[in-house]
Amino acid sequence: LGWRVGNAGEGLAQMFHMMNEART
């Protein structure tokens, strides 16, 4: 079970927020 974060179809754009922080 999981819950969608934000709008459908925007997952990769949202995940870049975390990915860029992880890259830093």
mmCIF file of all heavy atoms, coordinates in Angstrom:
data_MODEL
# 
_entry.id   MODEL 
# 
loop_
_atom_site.group_PDB 
_atom_site.id 
_atom_site.type_symbol 
_atom_site.label_atom_id 
_atom_site.label_alt_id 
_atom_site.label_comp_id 
_atom_site.label_asym_id 
_atom_site.label_entity_id 
_atom_site.label_seq_id 
_atom_site.pdbx_PDB_ins_code 
_atom_site.Cartn_x 
_atom_site.Cartn_y 
_atom_site.Cartn_z 
_atom_site.occupancy 
_atom_site.B_iso_or_equiv 
_atom_site.pdbx_formal_charge 
_atom_site.auth_seq_id 
_atom_site.auth_comp_id 
_atom_site.auth_asym_id 
_atom_site.auth_atom_id 
_atom_site.pdbx_PDB_model_num 
ATOM 1   N N   . LEU A 1 1  ? 0.830  -1.203 0.000   1.00 0.00 ? 1  LEU A N   1 
ATOM 2   C CA  . LEU A 1 1  ? 0.000  0.000  0.000   1.00 0.00 ? 1  LEU A CA  1 
ATOM 3   C C   . LEU A 1 1  ? 0.866  1.255  0.000   1.00 0.00 ? 1  LEU A C   1 
ATOM 4   O O   . LEU A 1 1  ? 1.820  1.374  0.774   1.00 0.00 ? 1  LEU A O   1 
ATOM 5   C CB  . LEU A 1 1  ? -0.913 0.018  1.212   1.00 0.00 ? 1  LEU A CB  1 
ATOM 6   C CG  . LEU A 1 1  ? -2.179 -0.845 1.132   1.00 0.00 ? 1  LEU A CG  1 
ATOM 7   C CD1 . LEU A 1 1  ? -2.935 -0.784 2.451   1.00 0.00 ? 1  LEU A CD1 1 
ATOM 8   C CD2 . LEU A 1 1  ? -3.079 -0.382 -0.007  1.00 0.00 ? 1  LEU A CD2 1 
ATOM 9   N N   . GLY A 1 2  ? 0.528  2.176  -0.885  1.00 0.00 ? 2  GLY A N   1 
ATOM 10  C CA  . GLY A 1 2  ? 1.221  3.450  -0.951  1.00 0.00 ? 2  GLY A CA  1 
ATOM 11  C C   . GLY A 1 2  ? 0.273  4.547  -1.364  1.00 0.00 ? 2  GLY A C   1 
ATOM 12  O O   . GLY A 1 2  ? -0.831 4.295  -1.858  1.00 0.00 ? 2  GLY A O   1 
ATOM 13  N N   . TRP A 1 3  ? 0.685  5.773  -1.143  1.00 0.00 ? 3  TRP A N   1 
ATOM 14  C CA  . TRP A 1 3  ? -0.139 6.928  -1.481  1.00 0.00 ? 3  TRP A CA  1 
ATOM 15  C C   . TRP A 1 3  ? 0.613  7.825  -2.463  1.00 0.00 ? 3  TRP A C   1 
ATOM 16  O O   . TRP A 1 3  ? 1.804  8.105  -2.280  1.00 0.00 ? 3  TRP A O   1 
ATOM 17  C CB  . TRP A 1 3  ? -0.490 7.711  -0.212  1.00 0.00 ? 3  TRP A CB  1 
ATOM 18  C CG  . TRP A 1 3  ? -1.454 6.971  0.656   1.00 0.00 ? 3  TRP A CG  1 
ATOM 19  C CD1 . TRP A 1 3  ? -2.807 7.105  0.680   1.00 0.00 ? 3  TRP A CD1 1 
ATOM 20  C CD2 . TRP A 1 3  ? -1.138 5.958  1.621   1.00 0.00 ? 3  TRP A CD2 1 
ATOM 21  N NE1 . TRP A 1 3  ? -3.362 6.241  1.595   1.00 0.00 ? 3  TRP A NE1 1 
ATOM 22  C CE2 . TRP A 1 3  ? -2.354 5.523  2.197   1.00 0.00 ? 3  TRP A CE2 1 
ATOM 23  C CE3 . TRP A 1 3  ? 0.063  5.362  2.048   1.00 0.00 ? 3  TRP A CE3 1 
ATOM 24  C CZ2 . TRP A 1 3  ? -2.419 4.534  3.157   1.00 0.00 ? 3  TRP A CZ2 1 
ATOM 25  C CZ3 . TRP A 1 3  ? 0.002  4.380  3.021   1.00 0.00 ? 3  TRP A CZ3 1 
ATOM 26  C CH2 . TRP A 1 3  ? -1.233 3.967  3.572   1.00 0.00 ? 3  TRP A CH2 1 
ATOM 27  N N   . ARG A 1 4  ? -0.088 8.252  -3.493  1.00 0.00 ? 4  ARG A N   1 
ATOM 28  C CA  . ARG A 1 4  ? 0.555  9.088  -4.511  1.00 0.00 ? 4  ARG A CA  1 
ATOM 29  C C   . ARG A 1 4  ? 0.903  10.441 -3.914  1.00 0.00 ? 4  ARG A C   1 
ATOM 30  O O   . ARG A 1 4  ? 0.103  11.057 -3.211  1.00 0.00 ? 4  ARG A O   1 
ATOM 31  C CB  . ARG A 1 4  ? -0.367 9.257  -5.710  1.00 0.00 ? 4  ARG A CB  1 
ATOM 32  C CG  . ARG A 1 4  ? 0.355  9.830  -6.947  1.00 0.00 ? 4  ARG A CG  1 
ATOM 33  C CD  . ARG A 1 4  ? -0.599 10.057 -8.091  1.00 0.00 ? 4  ARG A CD  1 
ATOM 34  N NE  . ARG A 1 4  ? -1.483 11.176 -7.803  1.00 0.00 ? 4  ARG A NE  1 
ATOM 35  C CZ  . ARG A 1 4  ? -2.792 11.170 -8.016  1.00 0.00 ? 4  ARG A CZ  1 
ATOM 36  N NH1 . ARG A 1 4  ? -3.392 10.088 -8.490  1.00 0.00 ? 4  ARG A NH1 1 
ATOM 37  N NH2 . ARG A 1 4  ? -3.531 12.239 -7.736  1.00 0.00 ? 4  ARG A NH2 1 
ATOM 38  N N   . VAL A 1 5  ? 2.116  10.889 -4.222  1.00 0.00 ? 5  VAL A N   1 
ATOM 39  C CA  . VAL A 1 5  ? 2.579  12.206 -3.798  1.00 0.00 ? 5  VAL A CA  1 
ATOM 40  C C   . VAL A 1 5  ? 2.368  13.173 -4.956  1.00 0.00 ? 5  VAL A C   1 
ATOM 41  O O   . VAL A 1 5  ? 2.905  12.977 -6.049  1.00 0.00 ? 5  VAL A O   1 
ATOM 42  C CB  . VAL A 1 5  ? 4.067  12.171 -3.396  1.00 0.00 ? 5  VAL A CB  1 
ATOM 43  C CG1 . VAL A 1 5  ? 4.542  13.568 -2.987  1.00 0.00 ? 5  VAL A CG1 1 
ATOM 44  C CG2 . VAL A 1 5  ? 4.298  11.173 -2.264  1.00 0.00 ? 5  VAL A CG2 1 
ATOM 45  N N   . GLY A 1 6  ? 1.582  14.207 -4.745  1.00 0.00 ? 6  GLY A N   1 
ATOM 46  C CA  . GLY A 1 6  ? 1.366  15.188 -5.806  1.00 0.00 ? 6  GLY A CA  1 
ATOM 47  C C   . GLY A 1 6  ? 0.537  14.622 -6.945  1.00 0.00 ? 6  GLY A C   1 
ATOM 48  O O   . GLY A 1 6  ? -0.242 13.681 -6.797  1.00 0.00 ? 6  GLY A O   1 
ATOM 49  N N   . ASN A 1 7  ? 0.736  15.186 -8.127  1.00 0.00 ? 7  ASN A N   1 
ATOM 50  C CA  . ASN A 1 7  ? -0.063 14.829 -9.287  1.00 0.00 ? 7  ASN A CA  1 
ATOM 51  C C   . ASN A 1 7  ? 0.461  13.594 -9.990  1.00 0.00 ? 7  ASN A C   1 
ATOM 52  O O   . ASN A 1 7  ? 1.658  13.302 -9.955  1.00 0.00 ? 7  ASN A O   1 
ATOM 53  C CB  . ASN A 1 7  ? -0.103 16.000 -10.276 1.00 0.00 ? 7  ASN A CB  1 
ATOM 54  C CG  . ASN A 1 7  ? -0.758 17.236 -9.701  1.00 0.00 ? 7  ASN A CG  1 
ATOM 55  O OD1 . ASN A 1 7  ? -1.731 17.147 -8.951  1.00 0.00 ? 7  ASN A OD1 1 
ATOM 56  N ND2 . ASN A 1 7  ? -0.227 18.401 -10.045 1.00 0.00 ? 7  ASN A ND2 1 
ATOM 57  N N   . ALA A 1 8  ? -0.440 12.895 -10.667 1.00 0.00 ? 8  ALA A N   1 
ATOM 58  C CA  . ALA A 1 8  ? -0.041 11.734 -11.462 1.00 0.00 ? 8  ALA A CA  1 
ATOM 59  C C   . ALA A 1 8  ? 0.857  12.179 -12.607 1.00 0.00 ? 8  ALA A C   1 
ATOM 60  O O   . ALA A 1 8  ? 0.669  13.257 -13.190 1.00 0.00 ? 8  ALA A O   1 
ATOM 61  C CB  . ALA A 1 8  ? -1.284 11.034 -12.002 1.00 0.00 ? 8  ALA A CB  1 
ATOM 62  N N   . GLY A 1 9  ? 1.837  11.359 -12.910 1.00 0.00 ? 9  GLY A N   1 
ATOM 63  C CA  . GLY A 1 9  ? 2.729  11.628 -14.033 1.00 0.00 ? 9  GLY A CA  1 
ATOM 64  C C   . GLY A 1 9  ? 3.877  12.565 -13.734 1.00 0.00 ? 9  GLY A C   1 
ATOM 65  O O   . GLY A 1 9  ? 4.688  12.847 -14.620 1.00 0.00 ? 9  GLY A O   1 
ATOM 66  N N   . GLU A 1 10 ? 3.959  13.053 -12.500 1.00 0.00 ? 10 GLU A N   1 
ATOM 67  C CA  . GLU A 1 10 ? 5.025  13.999 -12.150 1.00 0.00 ? 10 GLU A CA  1 
ATOM 68  C C   . GLU A 1 10 ? 6.088  13.371 -11.256 1.00 0.00 ? 10 GLU A C   1 
ATOM 69  O O   . GLU A 1 10 ? 6.893  14.076 -10.648 1.00 0.00 ? 10 GLU A O   1 
ATOM 70  C CB  . GLU A 1 10 ? 4.422  15.219 -11.451 1.00 0.00 ? 10 GLU A CB  1 
ATOM 71  C CG  . GLU A 1 10 ? 3.487  16.024 -12.350 1.00 0.00 ? 10 GLU A CG  1 
ATOM 72  C CD  . GLU A 1 10 ? 2.899  17.245 -11.650 1.00 0.00 ? 10 GLU A CD  1 
ATOM 73  O OE1 . GLU A 1 10 ? 3.203  17.448 -10.452 1.00 0.00 ? 10 GLU A OE1 1 
ATOM 74  O OE2 . GLU A 1 10 ? 2.150  17.987 -12.301 1.00 0.00 ? 10 GLU A OE2 1 
ATOM 75  N N   . GLY A 1 11 ? 6.110  12.054 -11.185 1.00 0.00 ? 11 GLY A N   1 
ATOM 76  C CA  . GLY A 1 11 ? 7.001  11.374 -10.253 1.00 0.00 ? 11 GLY A CA  1 
ATOM 77  C C   . GLY A 1 11 ? 8.468  11.648 -10.466 1.00 0.00 ? 11 GLY A C   1 
ATOM 78  O O   . GLY A 1 11 ? 9.205  11.919 -9.508  1.00 0.00 ? 11 GLY A O   1 
ATOM 79  N N   . LEU A 1 12 ? 8.895  11.579 -11.721 1.00 0.00 ? 12 LEU A N   1 
ATOM 80  C CA  . LEU A 1 12 ? 10.324 11.762 -11.980 1.00 0.00 ? 12 LEU A CA  1 
ATOM 81  C C   . LEU A 1 12 ? 10.756 13.192 -11.677 1.00 0.00 ? 12 LEU A C   1 
ATOM 82  O O   . LEU A 1 12 ? 11.830 13.416 -11.094 1.00 0.00 ? 12 LEU A O   1 
ATOM 83  C CB  . LEU A 1 12 ? 10.652 11.389 -13.424 1.00 0.00 ? 12 LEU A CB  1 
ATOM 84  C CG  . LEU A 1 12 ? 12.095 10.978 -13.710 1.00 0.00 ? 12 LEU A CG  1 
ATOM 85  C CD1 . LEU A 1 12 ? 12.536 9.850  -12.787 1.00 0.00 ? 12 LEU A CD1 1 
ATOM 86  C CD2 . LEU A 1 12 ? 12.236 10.540 -15.167 1.00 0.00 ? 12 LEU A CD2 1 
ATOM 87  N N   . ALA A 1 13 ? 9.930  14.159 -12.047 1.00 0.00 ? 13 ALA A N   1 
ATOM 88  C CA  . ALA A 1 13 ? 10.259 15.557 -11.752 1.00 0.00 ? 13 ALA A CA  1 
ATOM 89  C C   . ALA A 1 13 ? 10.332 15.795 -10.249 1.00 0.00 ? 13 ALA A C   1 
ATOM 90  O O   . ALA A 1 13 ? 11.225 16.500 -9.757  1.00 0.00 ? 13 ALA A O   1 
ATOM 91  C CB  . ALA A 1 13 ? 9.218  16.479 -12.385 1.00 0.00 ? 13 ALA A CB  1 
ATOM 92  N N   . GLN A 1 14 ? 9.405  15.192 -9.492  1.00 0.00 ? 14 GLN A N   1 
ATOM 93  C CA  . GLN A 1 14 ? 9.426  15.334 -8.046  1.00 0.00 ? 14 GLN A CA  1 
ATOM 94  C C   . GLN A 1 14 ? 10.656 14.646 -7.447  1.00 0.00 ? 14 GLN A C   1 
ATOM 95  O O   . GLN A 1 14 ? 11.308 15.189 -6.556  1.00 0.00 ? 14 GLN A O   1 
ATOM 96  C CB  . GLN A 1 14 ? 8.161  14.727 -7.445  1.00 0.00 ? 14 GLN A CB  1 
ATOM 97  C CG  . GLN A 1 14 ? 6.890  15.468 -7.787  1.00 0.00 ? 14 GLN A CG  1 
ATOM 98  C CD  . GLN A 1 14 ? 5.654  14.654 -7.445  1.00 0.00 ? 14 GLN A CD  1 
ATOM 99  O OE1 . GLN A 1 14 ? 5.726  13.436 -7.263  1.00 0.00 ? 14 GLN A OE1 1 
ATOM 100 N NE2 . GLN A 1 14 ? 4.521  15.319 -7.357  1.00 0.00 ? 14 GLN A NE2 1 
ATOM 101 N N   . MET A 1 15 ? 10.958 13.466 -7.950  1.00 0.00 ? 15 MET A N   1 
ATOM 102 C CA  . MET A 1 15 ? 12.079 12.712 -7.391  1.00 0.00 ? 15 MET A CA  1 
ATOM 103 C C   . MET A 1 15 ? 13.412 13.418 -7.638  1.00 0.00 ? 15 MET A C   1 
ATOM 104 O O   . MET A 1 15 ? 14.359 13.238 -6.871  1.00 0.00 ? 15 MET A O   1 
ATOM 105 C CB  . MET A 1 15 ? 12.110 11.302 -7.964  1.00 0.00 ? 15 MET A CB  1 
ATOM 106 C CG  . MET A 1 15 ? 13.171 10.397 -7.352  1.00 0.00 ? 15 MET A CG  1 
ATOM 107 S SD  . MET A 1 15 ? 13.102 10.296 -5.546  1.00 0.00 ? 15 MET A SD  1 
ATOM 108 C CE  . MET A 1 15 ? 11.878 9.013  -5.332  1.00 0.00 ? 15 MET A CE  1 
ATOM 109 N N   . PHE A 1 16 ? 13.484 14.243 -8.681  1.00 0.00 ? 16 PHE A N   1 
ATOM 110 C CA  . PHE A 1 16 ? 14.714 14.998 -8.906  1.00 0.00 ? 16 PHE A CA  1 
ATOM 111 C C   . PHE A 1 16 ? 15.005 15.930 -7.731  1.00 0.00 ? 16 PHE A C   1 
ATOM 112 O O   . PHE A 1 16 ? 16.158 16.278 -7.484  1.00 0.00 ? 16 PHE A O   1 
ATOM 113 C CB  . PHE A 1 16 ? 14.644 15.785 -10.217 1.00 0.00 ? 16 PHE A CB  1 
ATOM 114 C CG  . PHE A 1 16 ? 15.256 15.053 -11.380 1.00 0.00 ? 16 PHE A CG  1 
ATOM 115 C CD1 . PHE A 1 16 ? 14.454 14.468 -12.348 1.00 0.00 ? 16 PHE A CD1 1 
ATOM 116 C CD2 . PHE A 1 16 ? 16.633 14.930 -11.487 1.00 0.00 ? 16 PHE A CD2 1 
ATOM 117 C CE1 . PHE A 1 16 ? 15.020 13.775 -13.417 1.00 0.00 ? 16 PHE A CE1 1 
ATOM 118 C CE2 . PHE A 1 16 ? 17.209 14.240 -12.548 1.00 0.00 ? 16 PHE A CE2 1 
ATOM 119 C CZ  . PHE A 1 16 ? 16.397 13.663 -13.518 1.00 0.00 ? 16 PHE A CZ  1 
ATOM 120 N N   . HIS A 1 17 ? 13.980 16.346 -7.006  1.00 0.00 ? 17 HIS A N   1 
ATOM 121 C CA  . HIS A 1 17 ? 14.180 17.161 -5.799  1.00 0.00 ? 17 HIS A CA  1 
ATOM 122 C C   . HIS A 1 17 ? 15.045 16.404 -4.808  1.00 0.00 ? 17 HIS A C   1 
ATOM 123 O O   . HIS A 1 17 ? 16.019 16.940 -4.255  1.00 0.00 ? 17 HIS A O   1 
ATOM 124 C CB  . HIS A 1 17 ? 12.819 17.502 -5.203  1.00 0.00 ? 17 HIS A CB  1 
ATOM 125 C CG  . HIS A 1 17 ? 12.867 18.448 -4.049  1.00 0.00 ? 17 HIS A CG  1 
ATOM 126 N ND1 . HIS A 1 17 ? 13.218 18.061 -2.768  1.00 0.00 ? 17 HIS A ND1 1 
ATOM 127 C CD2 . HIS A 1 17 ? 12.603 19.779 -3.966  1.00 0.00 ? 17 HIS A CD2 1 
ATOM 128 C CE1 . HIS A 1 17 ? 13.169 19.095 -1.959  1.00 0.00 ? 17 HIS A CE1 1 
ATOM 129 N NE2 . HIS A 1 17 ? 12.800 20.153 -2.655  1.00 0.00 ? 17 HIS A NE2 1 
ATOM 130 N N   . MET A 1 18 ? 14.708 15.127 -4.587  1.00 0.00 ? 18 MET A N   1 
ATOM 131 C CA  . MET A 1 18 ? 15.490 14.308 -3.658  1.00 0.00 ? 18 MET A CA  1 
ATOM 132 C C   . MET A 1 18 ? 16.805 13.866 -4.274  1.00 0.00 ? 18 MET A C   1 
ATOM 133 O O   . MET A 1 18 ? 17.843 13.827 -3.619  1.00 0.00 ? 18 MET A O   1 
ATOM 134 C CB  . MET A 1 18 ? 14.680 13.092 -3.227  1.00 0.00 ? 18 MET A CB  1 
ATOM 135 C CG  . MET A 1 18 ? 15.407 12.221 -2.192  1.00 0.00 ? 18 MET A CG  1 
ATOM 136 S SD  . MET A 1 18 ? 14.352 10.898 -1.562  1.00 0.00 ? 18 MET A SD  1 
ATOM 137 C CE  . MET A 1 18 ? 15.478 10.143 -0.377  1.00 0.00 ? 18 MET A CE  1 
ATOM 138 N N   . MET A 1 19 ? 16.769 13.542 -5.576  1.00 0.00 ? 19 MET A N   1 
ATOM 139 C CA  . MET A 1 19 ? 17.991 13.087 -6.244  1.00 0.00 ? 19 MET A CA  1 
ATOM 140 C C   . MET A 1 19 ? 19.059 14.166 -6.223  1.00 0.00 ? 19 MET A C   1 
ATOM 141 O O   . MET A 1 19 ? 20.243 13.890 -5.975  1.00 0.00 ? 19 MET A O   1 
ATOM 142 C CB  . MET A 1 19 ? 17.669 12.663 -7.681  1.00 0.00 ? 19 MET A CB  1 
ATOM 143 C CG  . MET A 1 19 ? 16.884 11.362 -7.789  1.00 0.00 ? 19 MET A CG  1 
ATOM 144 S SD  . MET A 1 19 ? 16.200 11.102 -9.438  1.00 0.00 ? 19 MET A SD  1 
ATOM 145 C CE  . MET A 1 19 ? 17.688 11.020 -10.420 1.00 0.00 ? 19 MET A CE  1 
ATOM 146 N N   . ASN A 1 20 ? 18.673 15.407 -6.496  1.00 0.00 ? 20 ASN A N   1 
ATOM 147 C CA  . ASN A 1 20 ? 19.656 16.495 -6.491  1.00 0.00 ? 20 ASN A CA  1 
ATOM 148 C C   . ASN A 1 20 ? 20.217 16.724 -5.094  1.00 0.00 ? 20 ASN A C   1 
ATOM 149 O O   . ASN A 1 20 ? 21.402 17.024 -4.929  1.00 0.00 ? 20 ASN A O   1 
ATOM 150 C CB  . ASN A 1 20 ? 19.039 17.777 -7.044  1.00 0.00 ? 20 ASN A CB  1 
ATOM 151 C CG  . ASN A 1 20 ? 18.914 17.754 -8.556  1.00 0.00 ? 20 ASN A CG  1 
ATOM 152 O OD1 . ASN A 1 20 ? 19.659 17.052 -9.237  1.00 0.00 ? 20 ASN A OD1 1 
ATOM 153 N ND2 . ASN A 1 20 ? 17.984 18.512 -9.088  1.00 0.00 ? 20 ASN A ND2 1 
ATOM 154 N N   . GLU A 1 21 ? 19.360 16.580 -4.069  1.00 0.00 ? 21 GLU A N   1 
ATOM 155 C CA  . GLU A 1 21 ? 19.867 16.704 -2.708  1.00 0.00 ? 21 GLU A CA  1 
ATOM 156 C C   . GLU A 1 21 ? 20.814 15.565 -2.383  1.00 0.00 ? 21 GLU A C   1 
ATOM 157 O O   . GLU A 1 21 ? 21.848 15.766 -1.743  1.00 0.00 ? 21 GLU A O   1 
ATOM 158 C CB  . GLU A 1 21 ? 18.706 16.733 -1.713  1.00 0.00 ? 21 GLU A CB  1 
ATOM 159 C CG  . GLU A 1 21 ? 19.170 16.889 -0.285  1.00 0.00 ? 21 GLU A CG  1 
ATOM 160 C CD  . GLU A 1 21 ? 18.082 17.342 0.658   1.00 0.00 ? 21 GLU A CD  1 
ATOM 161 O OE1 . GLU A 1 21 ? 17.023 17.792 0.180   1.00 0.00 ? 21 GLU A OE1 1 
ATOM 162 O OE2 . GLU A 1 21 ? 18.293 17.251 1.880   1.00 0.00 ? 21 GLU A OE2 1 
ATOM 163 N N   . ALA A 1 22 ? 20.452 14.341 -2.832  1.00 0.00 ? 22 ALA A N   1 
ATOM 164 C CA  . ALA A 1 22 ? 21.336 13.199 -2.599  1.00 0.00 ? 22 ALA A CA  1 
ATOM 165 C C   . ALA A 1 22 ? 22.654 13.373 -3.348  1.00 0.00 ? 22 ALA A C   1 
ATOM 166 O O   . ALA A 1 22 ? 23.720 12.988 -2.849  1.00 0.00 ? 22 ALA A O   1 
ATOM 167 C CB  . ALA A 1 22 ? 20.638 11.912 -3.026  1.00 0.00 ? 22 ALA A CB  1 
ATOM 168 N N   . ARG A 1 23 ? 22.604 13.960 -4.526  1.00 0.00 ? 23 ARG A N   1 
ATOM 169 C CA  . ARG A 1 23 ? 23.834 14.191 -5.284  1.00 0.00 ? 23 ARG A CA  1 
ATOM 170 C C   . ARG A 1 23 ? 24.744 15.180 -4.549  1.00 0.00 ? 23 ARG A C   1 
ATOM 171 O O   . ARG A 1 23 ? 25.964 14.990 -4.506  1.00 0.00 ? 23 ARG A O   1 
ATOM 172 C CB  . ARG A 1 23 ? 23.491 14.709 -6.685  1.00 0.00 ? 23 ARG A CB  1 
ATOM 173 C CG  . ARG A 1 23 ? 22.924 13.633 -7.590  1.00 0.00 ? 23 ARG A CG  1 
ATOM 174 C CD  . ARG A 1 23 ? 22.310 14.169 -8.869  1.00 0.00 ? 23 ARG A CD  1 
ATOM 175 N NE  . ARG A 1 23 ? 21.884 13.065 -9.727  1.00 0.00 ? 23 ARG A NE  1 
ATOM 176 C CZ  . ARG A 1 23 ? 21.202 13.214 -10.850 1.00 0.00 ? 23 ARG A CZ  1 
ATOM 177 N NH1 . ARG A 1 23 ? 20.860 14.424 -11.255 1.00 0.00 ? 23 ARG A NH1 1 
ATOM 178 N NH2 . ARG A 1 23 ? 20.859 12.151 -11.565 1.00 0.00 ? 23 ARG A NH2 1 
ATOM 179 N N   . THR A 1 24 ? 24.145 16.215 -3.978  1.00 0.00 ? 24 THR A N   1 
ATOM 180 C CA  . THR A 1 24 ? 24.936 17.132 -3.172  1.00 0.00 ? 24 THR A CA  1 
ATOM 181 C C   . THR A 1 24 ? 25.492 16.422 -1.947  1.00 0.00 ? 24 THR A C   1 
ATOM 182 O O   . THR A 1 24 ? 26.643 16.647 -1.550  1.00 0.00 ? 24 THR A O   1 
ATOM 183 C CB  . THR A 1 24 ? 24.068 18.329 -2.744  1.00 0.00 ? 24 THR A CB  1 
ATOM 184 O OG1 . THR A 1 24 ? 23.588 19.007 -3.913  1.00 0.00 ? 24 THR A OG1 1 
ATOM 185 C CG2 . THR A 1 24 ? 24.858 19.312 -1.900  1.00 0.00 ? 24 THR A CG2 1 
# 
